[in-house]
Amino acid sequence: MHGDSVWLGRLRRPIFYLMAAFIAATLLLWAWLVVNRLIDPEAYGMYEMIRPTGRPLVQLTLFCLCGATLFSALYLSDFQGSIEPQQRGIFDILSLVLSRIAMMMIALVVLVMFYEVVSRYVFLAPTLWANELSLWIAAFIFLLSGQYAMQQRCHIRIPVIYDRMPFWMRKVSDSLSVLMICLFVLALVWGGYNDAETRFLRMETFGTAWDPPIPGIIKPFLLLAMVLVALQSVSNLIADWNKENAYEDPEGVDDTEIENIKRTLEEK
């Protein structure tokens, strides 16, 4: 089970079992909450899910949901995608784990919006929370995808000049790029830390009927995500220092994409 493991090795099986256990527990608790809500309109709903204090069942559900997300991300990060390069940086594993969380969040946004559409147009019972929840999750996806793009070296770049530089000039260019990223993140954290701390400590809410603490969580996470991007850029610089061109992968992405295009054309 661990022959093609990326980094877990023999830990893949126990991580899989923990993932399955947390997912099963989350689904059972969610089903219990739904049934109670159908029977008793005063039972816990989405309003209480973001206010778990004094509600042990809600706290347990959120704990199981976090455990399911964490162990699913750990397990899925142990598989390498067909277009993903080999991990070679000291910070790559964390970036892969967080990228899997972002990928699962995309599916969650789709489910939330699907639920809202069915509830609104089939049962004529629109929710008060679907729009805010989708915005909340989308913010995490947007911030985490930046780190994944940095780890995959697929951020926007202009190769017209870079590819014609000699090796030493490429290293200077890469070093300057990383330096500017780090300076930008330092300035961002320096200027936004006090505001983020204030919003987080008072858990500032969104001001809607559901009233989730989106500003109180997203603003601090924005700073954290930018720090992670800067650390990933430093990790990339160290890992790619002796490579002639860190962005070249003649045996990887292009062949896979060409085969996918051929398969698509044959199916048509």
C-alpha atoms as a PDB file:
ATOM      1  CA  MET A   1       0.000   0.000   0.000  1.00  0.00           C
ATOM      2  CA  HIS A   2       2.994   2.296   0.394  1.00  0.00           C
ATOM      3  CA  GLY A   3       4.999   1.269  -2.680  1.00  0.00           C
ATOM      4  CA  ASP A   4       4.201   4.473  -4.614  1.00  0.00           C
ATOM      5  CA  SER A   5       4.040   6.666  -1.536  1.00  0.00           C
ATOM      6  CA  VAL A   6       5.188  10.256  -1.906  1.00  0.00           C
ATOM      7  CA  TRP A   7       6.070  10.840   1.727  1.00  0.00           C
ATOM      8  CA  LEU A   8       3.894   8.864   4.162  1.00  0.00           C
ATOM      9  CA  GLY A   9       5.377   5.427   3.505  1.00  0.00           C
ATOM     10  CA  ARG A  10       4.155   2.943   6.125  1.00  0.00           C
ATOM     11  CA  LEU A  11       2.000   5.639   7.692  1.00  0.00           C
ATOM     12  CA  ARG A  12      -0.348   5.652   4.699  1.00  0.00           C
ATOM     13  CA  ARG A  13      -2.499   2.790   6.001  1.00  0.00           C
ATOM     14  CA  PRO A  14      -3.070   4.225   9.510  1.00  0.00           C
ATOM     15  CA  ILE A  15      -3.763   7.652   8.000  1.00  0.00           C
ATOM     16  CA  PHE A  16      -6.326   6.037   5.711  1.00  0.00           C
ATOM     17  CA  TYR A  17      -8.058   4.335   8.635  1.00  0.00           C
ATOM     18  CA  LEU A  18      -8.140   7.590  10.613  1.00  0.00           C
ATOM     19  CA  MET A  19      -9.542   9.397   7.587  1.00  0.00           C
ATOM     20  CA  ALA A  20     -12.268   6.784   7.151  1.00  0.00           C
ATOM     21  CA  ALA A  21     -13.138   6.870  10.865  1.00  0.00           C
ATOM     22  CA  PHE A  22     -13.442  10.653  10.994  1.00  0.00           C
ATOM     23  CA  ILE A  23     -15.478  10.766   7.769  1.00  0.00           C
ATOM     24  CA  ALA A  24     -17.859   8.103   9.068  1.00  0.00           C
ATOM     25  CA  ALA A  25     -18.246   9.893  12.404  1.00  0.00           C
ATOM     26  CA  THR A  26     -18.873  13.222  10.663  1.00  0.00           C
ATOM     27  CA  LEU A  27     -21.540  11.738   8.385  1.00  0.00           C
ATOM     28  CA  LEU A  28     -23.301  10.024  11.299  1.00  0.00           C
ATOM     29  CA  LEU A  29     -23.324  13.197  13.389  1.00  0.00           C
ATOM     30  CA  TRP A  30     -24.493  15.247  10.415  1.00  0.00           C
ATOM     31  CA  ALA A  31     -27.319  12.769   9.739  1.00  0.00           C
ATOM     32  CA  TRP A  32     -28.312  12.936  13.407  1.00  0.00           C
ATOM     33  CA  LEU A  33     -28.429  16.739  13.305  1.00  0.00           C
ATOM     34  CA  VAL A  34     -30.498  16.703  10.096  1.00  0.00           C
ATOM     35  CA  VAL A  35     -33.008  14.227  11.508  1.00  0.00           C
ATOM     36  CA  ASN A  36     -33.346  16.273  14.701  1.00  0.00           C
ATOM     37  CA  ARG A  37     -33.844  19.403  12.640  1.00  0.00           C
ATOM     38  CA  LEU A  38     -36.647  17.740  10.652  1.00  0.00           C
ATOM     39  CA  ILE A  39     -38.347  16.575  13.818  1.00  0.00           C
ATOM     40  CA  ASP A  40     -37.807  19.675  15.926  1.00  0.00           C
ATOM     41  CA  PRO A  41     -37.514  23.100  14.226  1.00  0.00           C
ATOM     42  CA  GLU A  42     -35.758  24.390  17.353  1.00  0.00           C
ATOM     43  CA  ALA A  43     -32.952  21.849  17.046  1.00  0.00           C
ATOM     44  CA  TYR A  44     -29.410  22.800  16.047  1.00  0.00           C
ATOM     45  CA  GLY A  45     -29.038  24.218  12.553  1.00  0.00           C
ATOM     46  CA  MET A  46     -26.452  26.115  10.531  1.00  0.00           C
ATOM     47  CA  TYR A  47     -26.801  29.135  12.820  1.00  0.00           C
ATOM     48  CA  GLU A  48     -25.493  27.091  15.757  1.00  0.00           C
ATOM     49  CA  MET A  49     -22.708  25.485  13.714  1.00  0.00           C
ATOM     50  CA  ILE A  50     -20.667  28.700  13.863  1.00  0.00           C
ATOM     51  CA  ARG A  51     -21.567  29.254  17.529  1.00  0.00           C
ATOM     52  CA  PRO A  52     -20.538  25.944  19.145  1.00  0.00           C
ATOM     53  CA  THR A  53     -19.936  27.269  22.684  1.00  0.00           C
ATOM     54  CA  GLY A  54     -22.087  25.340  25.165  1.00  0.00           C
ATOM     55  CA  ARG A  55     -23.232  22.857  22.504  1.00  0.00           C
ATOM     56  CA  PRO A  56     -21.226  19.614  22.905  1.00  0.00           C
ATOM     57  CA  LEU A  57     -22.853  17.901  19.930  1.00  0.00           C
ATOM     58  CA  VAL A  58     -21.965  20.785  17.625  1.00  0.00           C
ATOM     59  CA  GLN A  59     -18.432  20.892  19.021  1.00  0.00           C
ATOM     60  CA  LEU A  60     -18.033  17.153  18.423  1.00  0.00           C
ATOM     61  CA  THR A  61     -19.345  17.496  14.867  1.00  0.00           C
ATOM     62  CA  LEU A  62     -16.916  20.303  14.083  1.00  0.00           C
ATOM     63  CA  PHE A  63     -14.050  18.344  15.646  1.00  0.00           C
ATOM     64  CA  CYS A  64     -14.838  15.300  13.492  1.00  0.00           C
ATOM     65  CA  LEU A  65     -15.178  17.511  10.416  1.00  0.00           C
ATOM     66  CA  CYS A  66     -11.743  19.043  11.061  1.00  0.00           C
ATOM     67  CA  GLY A  67     -10.264  15.585  11.643  1.00  0.00           C
ATOM     68  CA  ALA A  68     -11.808  14.254   8.424  1.00  0.00           C
ATOM     69  CA  THR A  69     -10.442  17.221   6.475  1.00  0.00           C
ATOM     70  CA  LEU A  70      -6.957  16.944   7.976  1.00  0.00           C
ATOM     71  CA  PHE A  71      -6.481  13.213   7.513  1.00  0.00           C
ATOM     72  CA  SER A  72      -8.060  13.286   4.040  1.00  0.00           C
ATOM     73  CA  ALA A  73      -5.580  15.982   3.040  1.00  0.00           C
ATOM     74  CA  LEU A  74      -2.669  13.989   4.503  1.00  0.00           C
ATOM     75  CA  TYR A  75      -3.768  10.850   2.685  1.00  0.00           C
ATOM     76  CA  LEU A  76      -4.431  12.526  -0.659  1.00  0.00           C
ATOM     77  CA  SER A  77      -1.135  14.442  -0.518  1.00  0.00           C
ATOM     78  CA  ASP A  78       0.658  11.076  -0.585  1.00  0.00           C
ATOM     79  CA  PHE A  79      -0.399  10.601  -4.231  1.00  0.00           C
ATOM     80  CA  GLN A  80       1.351  12.500  -7.010  1.00  0.00           C
ATOM     81  CA  GLY A  81      -0.787  13.898  -9.815  1.00  0.00           C
ATOM     82  CA  SER A  82       0.152  13.182 -13.409  1.00  0.00           C
ATOM     83  CA  ILE A  83       1.152  16.815 -14.040  1.00  0.00           C
ATOM     84  CA  GLU A  84       2.732  17.455 -10.650  1.00  0.00           C
ATOM     85  CA  PRO A  85       6.547  17.588 -10.528  1.00  0.00           C
ATOM     86  CA  GLN A  86       8.604  15.638  -8.031  1.00  0.00           C
ATOM     87  CA  GLN A  87       8.759  17.176  -4.569  1.00  0.00           C
ATOM     88  CA  ARG A  88      12.221  18.584  -4.062  1.00  0.00           C
ATOM     89  CA  GLY A  89      11.813  21.484  -1.624  1.00  0.00           C
ATOM     90  CA  ILE A  90      11.874  21.441   2.157  1.00  0.00           C
ATOM     91  CA  PHE A  91       8.449  23.100   2.258  1.00  0.00           C
ATOM     92  CA  ASP A  92       6.687  21.131  -0.481  1.00  0.00           C
ATOM     93  CA  ILE A  93       4.864  18.600   1.699  1.00  0.00           C
ATOM     94  CA  LEU A  94       2.989  21.254   3.662  1.00  0.00           C
ATOM     95  CA  SER A  95       2.032  22.976   0.416  1.00  0.00           C
ATOM     96  CA  LEU A  96       0.700  19.704  -0.994  1.00  0.00           C
ATOM     97  CA  VAL A  97      -1.345  19.000   2.132  1.00  0.00           C
ATOM     98  CA  LEU A  98      -2.888  22.481   2.026  1.00  0.00           C
ATOM     99  CA  SER A  99      -3.539  22.136  -1.707  1.00  0.00           C
ATOM    100  CA  ARG A 100      -5.571  18.977  -1.075  1.00  0.00           C
ATOM    101  CA  ILE A 101      -7.641  20.891   1.461  1.00  0.00           C
ATOM    102  CA  ALA A 102      -8.305  23.554  -1.188  1.00  0.00           C
ATOM    103  CA  MET A 103      -9.293  20.883  -3.712  1.00  0.00           C
ATOM    104  CA  MET A 104     -11.793  19.367  -1.274  1.00  0.00           C
ATOM    105  CA  MET A 105     -13.157  22.838  -0.564  1.00  0.00           C
ATOM    106  CA  ILE A 106     -13.955  23.291  -4.260  1.00  0.00           C
ATOM    107  CA  ALA A 107     -16.184  20.214  -4.116  1.00  0.00           C
ATOM    108  CA  LEU A 108     -17.748  21.557  -0.919  1.00  0.00           C
ATOM    109  CA  VAL A 109     -18.621  24.870  -2.586  1.00  0.00           C
ATOM    110  CA  VAL A 110     -20.309  22.950  -5.412  1.00  0.00           C
ATOM    111  CA  LEU A 111     -22.360  20.949  -2.893  1.00  0.00           C
ATOM    112  CA  VAL A 112     -23.388  24.076  -0.995  1.00  0.00           C
ATOM    113  CA  MET A 113     -24.511  25.854  -4.149  1.00  0.00           C
ATOM    114  CA  PHE A 114     -26.309  22.738  -5.397  1.00  0.00           C
ATOM    115  CA  TYR A 115     -28.166  22.523  -2.080  1.00  0.00           C
ATOM    116  CA  GLU A 116     -29.121  26.185  -2.323  1.00  0.00           C
ATOM    117  CA  VAL A 117     -30.419  25.843  -5.893  1.00  0.00           C
ATOM    118  CA  VAL A 118     -32.548  22.792  -5.053  1.00  0.00           C
ATOM    119  CA  SER A 119     -33.815  24.347  -1.829  1.00  0.00           C
ATOM    120  CA  ARG A 120     -34.652  27.659  -3.483  1.00  0.00           C
ATOM    121  CA  TYR A 121     -36.185  26.566  -6.804  1.00  0.00           C
ATOM    122  CA  VAL A 122     -37.597  23.123  -6.002  1.00  0.00           C
ATOM    123  CA  PHE A 123     -38.819  23.519  -2.415  1.00  0.00           C
ATOM    124  CA  LEU A 124     -39.141  27.347  -2.439  1.00  0.00           C
ATOM    125  CA  ALA A 125     -37.152  27.490   0.801  1.00  0.00           C
ATOM    126  CA  PRO A 126     -33.943  29.497   0.251  1.00  0.00           C
ATOM    127  CA  THR A 127     -31.312  29.357   2.953  1.00  0.00           C
ATOM    128  CA  LEU A 128     -29.797  32.230   4.897  1.00  0.00           C
ATOM    129  CA  TRP A 129     -26.305  30.715   4.955  1.00  0.00           C
ATOM    130  CA  ALA A 130     -25.424  29.234   1.546  1.00  0.00           C
ATOM    131  CA  ASN A 131     -24.136  32.454  -0.028  1.00  0.00           C
ATOM    132  CA  GLU A 132     -21.986  33.429   2.977  1.00  0.00           C
ATOM    133  CA  LEU A 133     -20.657  29.891   3.402  1.00  0.00           C
ATOM    134  CA  SER A 134     -19.655  29.663  -0.263  1.00  0.00           C
ATOM    135  CA  LEU A 135     -17.885  33.042  -0.029  1.00  0.00           C
ATOM    136  CA  TRP A 136     -16.131  31.925   3.154  1.00  0.00           C
ATOM    137  CA  ILE A 137     -14.880  28.697   1.605  1.00  0.00           C
ATOM    138  CA  ALA A 138     -13.947  30.402  -1.684  1.00  0.00           C
ATOM    139  CA  ALA A 139     -11.722  32.837   0.228  1.00  0.00           C
ATOM    140  CA  PHE A 140      -9.751  29.922   1.687  1.00  0.00           C
ATOM    141  CA  ILE A 141      -9.498  28.308  -1.756  1.00  0.00           C
ATOM    142  CA  PHE A 142      -8.168  31.518  -3.289  1.00  0.00           C
ATOM    143  CA  LEU A 143      -5.534  31.997  -0.591  1.00  0.00           C
ATOM    144  CA  LEU A 144      -4.382  28.373  -0.504  1.00  0.00           C
ATOM    145  CA  SER A 145      -4.185  28.113  -4.299  1.00  0.00           C
ATOM    146  CA  GLY A 146      -1.481  30.789  -4.349  1.00  0.00           C
ATOM    147  CA  GLN A 147       0.835  28.634  -2.281  1.00  0.00           C
ATOM    148  CA  TYR A 148       0.122  25.590  -4.461  1.00  0.00           C
ATOM    149  CA  ALA A 149       0.825  27.597  -7.615  1.00  0.00           C
ATOM    150  CA  MET A 150       4.129  28.715  -6.118  1.00  0.00           C
ATOM    151  CA  GLN A 151       5.068  25.142  -5.186  1.00  0.00           C
ATOM    152  CA  GLN A 152       4.191  23.894  -8.681  1.00  0.00           C
ATOM    153  CA  ARG A 153       6.139  26.752 -10.359  1.00  0.00           C
ATOM    154  CA  CYS A 154       3.024  27.558 -12.403  1.00  0.00           C
ATOM    155  CA  HIS A 155       2.614  31.187 -11.389  1.00  0.00           C
ATOM    156  CA  ILE A 156       2.617  33.853 -14.096  1.00  0.00           C
ATOM    157  CA  ARG A 157       6.070  34.482 -15.548  1.00  0.00           C
ATOM    158  CA  ILE A 158       7.501  36.062 -18.712  1.00  0.00           C
ATOM    159  CA  PRO A 159      10.063  33.655 -20.237  1.00  0.00           C
ATOM    160  CA  VAL A 160      10.971  35.770 -23.279  1.00  0.00           C
ATOM    161  CA  ILE A 161      13.906  37.385 -21.452  1.00  0.00           C
ATOM    162  CA  TYR A 162      14.473  34.884 -18.637  1.00  0.00           C
ATOM    163  CA  ASP A 163      15.030  31.890 -20.938  1.00  0.00           C
ATOM    164  CA  ARG A 164      17.735  33.805 -22.853  1.00  0.00           C
ATOM    165  CA  MET A 165      19.712  34.736 -19.755  1.00  0.00           C
ATOM    166  CA  PRO A 166      22.934  32.933 -18.842  1.00  0.00           C
ATOM    167  CA  PHE A 167      22.835  30.640 -15.814  1.00  0.00           C
ATOM    168  CA  TRP A 168      24.319  33.134 -13.358  1.00  0.00           C
ATOM    169  CA  MET A 169      21.900  35.858 -14.415  1.00  0.00           C
ATOM    170  CA  ARG A 170      18.957  33.519 -13.933  1.00  0.00           C
ATOM    171  CA  LYS A 171      20.109  32.898 -10.377  1.00  0.00           C
ATOM    172  CA  VAL A 172      20.335  36.638  -9.779  1.00  0.00           C
ATOM    173  CA  SER A 173      16.869  37.104 -11.268  1.00  0.00           C
ATOM    174  CA  ASP A 174      15.415  34.317  -9.121  1.00  0.00           C
ATOM    175  CA  SER A 175      17.055  35.734  -5.998  1.00  0.00           C
ATOM    176  CA  LEU A 176      15.700  39.221  -6.693  1.00  0.00           C
ATOM    177  CA  SER A 177      12.216  37.808  -7.295  1.00  0.00           C
ATOM    178  CA  VAL A 178      12.239  35.944  -3.995  1.00  0.00           C
ATOM    179  CA  LEU A 179      13.635  38.985  -2.208  1.00  0.00           C
ATOM    180  CA  MET A 180      10.821  41.185  -3.555  1.00  0.00           C
ATOM    181  CA  ILE A 181       8.217  38.591  -2.539  1.00  0.00           C
ATOM    182  CA  CYS A 182       9.617  38.464   0.987  1.00  0.00           C
ATOM    183  CA  LEU A 183       9.767  42.265   1.250  1.00  0.00           C
ATOM    184  CA  PHE A 184       6.179  42.561   0.034  1.00  0.00           C
ATOM    185  CA  VAL A 185       4.981  39.980   2.567  1.00  0.00           C
ATOM    186  CA  LEU A 186       6.963  41.685   5.332  1.00  0.00           C
ATOM    187  CA  ALA A 187       5.333  45.016   4.507  1.00  0.00           C
ATOM    188  CA  LEU A 188       1.896  43.379   4.315  1.00  0.00           C
ATOM    189  CA  VAL A 189       2.266  41.714   7.715  1.00  0.00           C
ATOM    190  CA  TRP A 190       3.790  44.850   9.235  1.00  0.00           C
ATOM    191  CA  GLY A 191       0.917  47.028   8.065  1.00  0.00           C
ATOM    192  CA  GLY A 192      -1.942  44.567   8.573  1.00  0.00           C
ATOM    193  CA  TYR A 193      -1.067  42.708  11.751  1.00  0.00           C
ATOM    194  CA  ASN A 194      -2.751  45.066  14.217  1.00  0.00           C
ATOM    195  CA  ASP A 195      -5.969  45.190  12.197  1.00  0.00           C
ATOM    196  CA  ALA A 196      -5.973  41.406  11.757  1.00  0.00           C
ATOM    197  CA  GLU A 197      -5.367  40.884  15.483  1.00  0.00           C
ATOM    198  CA  THR A 198      -8.222  43.235  16.390  1.00  0.00           C
ATOM    199  CA  ARG A 199     -10.649  41.528  14.020  1.00  0.00           C
ATOM    200  CA  PHE A 200      -9.615  38.085  15.238  1.00  0.00           C
ATOM    201  CA  LEU A 201      -9.819  38.838  18.970  1.00  0.00           C
ATOM    202  CA  ARG A 202     -13.317  40.282  18.681  1.00  0.00           C
ATOM    203  CA  MET A 203     -14.204  37.652  16.016  1.00  0.00           C
ATOM    204  CA  GLU A 204     -15.688  40.264  13.716  1.00  0.00           C
ATOM    205  CA  THR A 205     -18.777  39.021  11.895  1.00  0.00           C
ATOM    206  CA  PHE A 206     -20.213  39.576   8.428  1.00  0.00           C
ATOM    207  CA  GLY A 207     -23.307  41.508   9.462  1.00  0.00           C
ATOM    208  CA  THR A 208     -25.886  39.235   7.771  1.00  0.00           C
ATOM    209  CA  ALA A 209     -28.710  37.083   9.120  1.00  0.00           C
ATOM    210  CA  TRP A 210     -26.392  34.088   9.523  1.00  0.00           C
ATOM    211  CA  ASP A 211     -23.620  36.472  10.618  1.00  0.00           C
ATOM    212  CA  PRO A 212     -20.498  34.297  10.199  1.00  0.00           C
ATOM    213  CA  PRO A 213     -17.131  35.616  11.464  1.00  0.00           C
ATOM    214  CA  ILE A 214     -15.667  35.894   7.973  1.00  0.00           C
ATOM    215  CA  PRO A 215     -13.631  39.119   8.536  1.00  0.00           C
ATOM    216  CA  GLY A 216     -12.364  37.857  11.893  1.00  0.00           C
ATOM    217  CA  ILE A 217     -10.948  34.686  10.328  1.00  0.00           C
ATOM    218  CA  ILE A 218     -10.073  35.611   6.757  1.00  0.00           C
ATOM    219  CA  LYS A 219      -7.995  38.705   7.580  1.00  0.00           C
ATOM    220  CA  PRO A 220      -5.546  36.831   9.872  1.00  0.00           C
ATOM    221  CA  PHE A 221      -5.494  33.889   7.469  1.00  0.00           C
ATOM    222  CA  LEU A 222      -4.622  36.254   4.621  1.00  0.00           C
ATOM    223  CA  LEU A 223      -1.433  37.252   6.419  1.00  0.00           C
ATOM    224  CA  LEU A 224      -0.645  33.634   7.278  1.00  0.00           C
ATOM    225  CA  ALA A 225      -1.203  32.537   3.672  1.00  0.00           C
ATOM    226  CA  MET A 226       1.145  35.227   2.373  1.00  0.00           C
ATOM    227  CA  VAL A 227       3.835  34.157   4.841  1.00  0.00           C
ATOM    228  CA  LEU A 228       3.449  30.580   3.601  1.00  0.00           C
ATOM    229  CA  VAL A 229       3.820  31.769  -0.016  1.00  0.00           C
ATOM    230  CA  ALA A 230       7.019  33.609   0.902  1.00  0.00           C
ATOM    231  CA  LEU A 231       8.406  30.527   2.674  1.00  0.00           C
ATOM    232  CA  GLN A 232       7.531  28.390  -0.344  1.00  0.00           C
ATOM    233  CA  SER A 233       9.333  30.815  -2.660  1.00  0.00           C
ATOM    234  CA  VAL A 234      12.465  30.570  -0.482  1.00  0.00           C
ATOM    235  CA  SER A 235      12.138  26.775  -0.514  1.00  0.00           C
ATOM    236  CA  ASN A 236      11.865  26.822  -4.318  1.00  0.00           C
ATOM    237  CA  LEU A 237      14.966  28.989  -4.605  1.00  0.00           C
ATOM    238  CA  ILE A 238      17.002  26.603  -2.452  1.00  0.00           C
ATOM    239  CA  ALA A 239      15.718  23.486  -4.232  1.00  0.00           C
ATOM    240  CA  ASP A 240      16.258  24.910  -7.738  1.00  0.00           C
ATOM    241  CA  TRP A 241      19.574  26.662  -7.117  1.00  0.00           C
ATOM    242  CA  ASN A 242      21.700  24.196  -9.085  1.00  0.00           C
ATOM    243  CA  LYS A 243      19.174  23.596 -11.856  1.00  0.00           C
ATOM    244  CA  GLU A 244      19.878  25.082 -15.258  1.00  0.00           C
ATOM    245  CA  ASN A 245      16.224  26.069 -15.643  1.00  0.00           C
ATOM    246  CA  ALA A 246      13.842  25.414 -12.766  1.00  0.00           C
ATOM    247  CA  TYR A 247      10.810  25.836 -15.032  1.00  0.00           C
ATOM    248  CA  GLU A 248      11.726  23.293 -17.652  1.00  0.00           C
ATOM    249  CA  ASP A 249      10.149  19.844 -17.480  1.00  0.00           C
ATOM    250  CA  PRO A 250      10.446  18.395 -20.998  1.00  0.00           C
ATOM    251  CA  GLU A 251       9.407  14.891 -19.926  1.00  0.00           C
ATOM    252  CA  GLY A 252       6.414  15.733 -17.758  1.00  0.00           C
ATOM    253  CA  VAL A 253       3.608  18.167 -18.357  1.00  0.00           C
ATOM    254  CA  ASP A 254       3.677  18.505 -22.133  1.00  0.00           C
ATOM    255  CA  ASP A 255       3.503  14.762 -22.900  1.00  0.00           C
ATOM    256  CA  THR A 256       0.601  14.282 -20.515  1.00  0.00           C
ATOM    257  CA  GLU A 257      -1.309  17.234 -21.922  1.00  0.00           C
ATOM    258  CA  ILE A 258      -0.711  16.051 -25.506  1.00  0.00           C
ATOM    259  CA  GLU A 259      -2.017  12.574 -24.681  1.00  0.00           C
ATOM    260  CA  ASN A 260      -5.109  14.060 -23.051  1.00  0.00           C
ATOM    261  CA  ILE A 261      -5.784  16.212 -26.118  1.00  0.00           C
ATOM    262  CA  LYS A 262      -5.385  13.191 -28.437  1.00  0.00           C
ATOM    263  CA  ARG A 263      -7.756  11.126 -26.300  1.00  0.00           C
ATOM    264  CA  THR A 264     -10.336  13.910 -26.335  1.00  0.00           C
ATOM    265  CA  LEU A 265     -10.158  14.255 -30.120  1.00  0.00           C
ATOM    266  CA  GLU A 266     -10.490  10.478 -30.600  1.00  0.00           C
ATOM    267  CA  GLU A 267     -13.611  10.400 -28.418  1.00  0.00           C
ATOM    268  CA  LYS A 268     -15.212  13.103 -30.559  1.00  0.00           C
END
